[in-house]
Protein backbone atom coordinates (compact mmCIF):
# COMPACT_ATOMS: atom_id res chain seq x y z
CA MET A 1 -87.21 -39.21 51.76
CA VAL A 2 -90.18 -39.79 50.55
CA ASP A 3 -93.85 -39.52 51.89
CA ILE A 4 -96.65 -40.93 50.48
CA HIS A 5 -100.50 -41.23 51.61
CA HIS A 6 -101.41 -44.59 52.36
CA ILE A 7 -104.26 -45.11 49.83
CA VAL A 8 -101.50 -44.21 46.70
CA SER A 9 -99.35 -47.05 47.44
CA ASP A 10 -99.91 -50.41 49.12
CA GLY A 11 -97.21 -52.96 50.47
CA THR A 12 -96.05 -54.54 47.20
CA SER A 13 -95.94 -51.22 45.01
CA HIS A 14 -93.84 -49.86 47.75
CA THR A 15 -91.41 -51.93 47.75
CA ILE A 16 -91.02 -51.75 43.94
CA LEU A 17 -91.39 -48.06 44.24
CA ALA A 18 -88.31 -48.76 46.49
CA ASP A 19 -86.43 -51.08 45.03
CA GLU A 20 -86.25 -48.77 41.63
CA PHE A 21 -85.40 -46.14 43.87
CA MET A 22 -81.99 -47.22 44.99
CA GLN A 23 -81.59 -48.68 41.93
CA LEU A 24 -81.69 -45.41 39.94
CA TYR A 25 -80.31 -43.29 42.87
CA GLY A 26 -78.06 -45.77 44.66
CA ASN A 27 -76.63 -47.80 41.89
CA GLY A 28 -77.00 -45.05 39.11
CA VAL A 29 -78.23 -48.62 36.96
CA PRO A 30 -81.07 -47.50 34.28
CA LEU A 31 -84.24 -49.03 34.75
CA GLU A 32 -85.24 -51.46 32.17
CA PRO A 33 -88.62 -49.35 29.75
CA LEU A 34 -91.56 -50.97 30.83
CA PHE A 35 -93.94 -52.92 28.84
CA VAL A 36 -96.89 -51.44 29.21
CA GLN A 37 -97.21 -47.94 30.18
CA TYR A 38 -100.12 -46.37 32.45
CA LYS A 39 -101.89 -45.19 29.57
CA ASP A 40 -102.23 -48.34 27.69
CA PHE A 41 -103.92 -50.11 30.90
CA ALA A 42 -106.41 -46.67 30.80
CA GLN A 43 -106.84 -47.38 27.09
CA CYS A 44 -108.01 -50.91 27.71
CA LYS A 45 -110.29 -49.82 30.78
CA ILE A 46 -112.03 -47.04 28.81
CA ASP A 47 -112.26 -50.33 25.70
CA TYR A 48 -113.87 -52.69 28.27
CA ARG A 49 -116.21 -50.13 29.67
CA GLN A 50 -117.66 -49.12 26.19
CA ARG A 51 -117.87 -52.64 25.10
CA ARG A 52 -119.01 -54.90 28.40
CA GLY A 53 -120.16 -51.63 30.53
CA LYS A 54 -123.00 -50.63 28.63
CA ASN A 55 -124.27 -54.39 28.84
CA GLN A 56 -123.72 -54.52 32.84
CA GLU A 57 -125.90 -51.10 32.79
CA ASP A 58 -128.64 -52.32 31.38
CA TYR A 59 -128.69 -55.53 33.17
CA TRP A 60 -128.99 -53.71 36.53
CA LEU A 61 -130.84 -51.58 35.26
CA ARG A 62 -133.43 -54.37 34.29
CA LEU A 63 -132.96 -56.20 37.26
CA TYR A 64 -134.48 -52.75 39.56
CA ALA A 65 -136.55 -51.10 37.24
CA GLY A 66 -139.96 -50.28 38.67
CA GLU A 67 -140.67 -49.72 42.25
CA ILE A 68 -138.56 -51.09 44.88
CA PRO A 69 -141.11 -53.39 47.60
CA ARG A 70 -140.55 -51.95 51.09
CA LEU A 71 -139.25 -54.28 53.30
CA ASN A 72 -141.67 -55.48 56.36
CA LEU A 73 -139.93 -56.63 59.57
CA ALA A 74 -141.88 -57.06 62.28
CA ALA A 75 -140.94 -54.13 64.77
CA ASP A 76 -141.41 -53.55 68.76
CA TYR A 77 -143.05 -50.10 67.78
CA LYS A 78 -144.68 -48.69 64.65
CA ARG A 79 -142.81 -46.95 61.70
CA PRO A 80 -142.69 -43.68 61.98
CA GLY A 81 -143.20 -41.50 58.86
CA PRO A 82 -141.01 -39.31 56.96
CA LEU A 83 -138.91 -37.32 58.89
CA PRO A 84 -138.47 -33.52 58.29
CA SER A 85 -136.34 -31.78 55.69
CA ARG A 86 -134.69 -29.62 57.42
CA ARG A 87 -131.44 -27.57 55.59
CA SER A 88 -129.97 -26.07 58.83
CA MET A 89 -129.74 -26.09 62.05
CA PRO A 90 -129.93 -22.93 63.61
CA VAL A 91 -127.24 -22.93 66.57
CA PRO A 92 -127.17 -19.66 69.29
CA VAL A 93 -123.68 -18.25 69.61
CA GLY A 94 -123.21 -15.19 70.76
CA LYS A 95 -121.71 -12.22 69.05
CA ARG A 96 -118.20 -12.31 71.26
CA ILE A 97 -117.68 -15.87 69.86
CA ARG A 98 -119.36 -14.80 66.25
CA ARG A 99 -116.53 -11.88 66.41
CA LYS A 100 -113.76 -14.33 67.22
CA PHE A 101 -114.92 -16.73 64.33
CA LYS A 102 -114.24 -14.07 62.22
CA LEU A 103 -111.29 -12.62 63.65
CA LEU A 104 -109.69 -16.07 63.06
CA GLY A 105 -111.01 -16.32 59.52
CA ALA A 106 -109.81 -13.12 58.35
CA ARG A 107 -105.95 -13.57 60.33
CA TYR A 108 -105.52 -17.50 58.30
CA GLY A 109 -107.61 -16.47 55.62
CA GLY A 110 -110.90 -19.13 56.07
CA THR A 111 -113.95 -18.13 56.21
CA LEU A 112 -116.53 -18.58 59.02
CA TYR A 113 -117.91 -21.76 58.07
CA MET A 114 -114.41 -23.55 57.75
CA ASN A 115 -113.41 -22.05 60.94
CA ILE A 116 -116.70 -23.34 62.91
CA MET A 117 -116.44 -26.96 61.06
CA ALA A 118 -112.93 -26.75 61.90
CA ARG A 119 -113.00 -25.87 65.68
């Protein structure tokens, strides 16, 4: 059994992988050596970024240099000012609930934050 997350393998890759597993383990036939290895692909991408990436970066930096204009769309109400920045929002929790969360963390090796977010 092979368990692969859907983000790692698409349908085509999954089919190729399954065929190669069957060839190796089902029939005992060795695979042909690959013409191109992943390291070759990675090096090609690095070379491309070094050659062309700088040109692309320069283009976008020139295009969006300066101040971005404000988009004034018709609205039904006055545009609000900037929202106040808050790092946290206090939520009152009783001592009994706090104690239960702490015990849960101690029992499973999680922090108070992890347990609150998981609930």
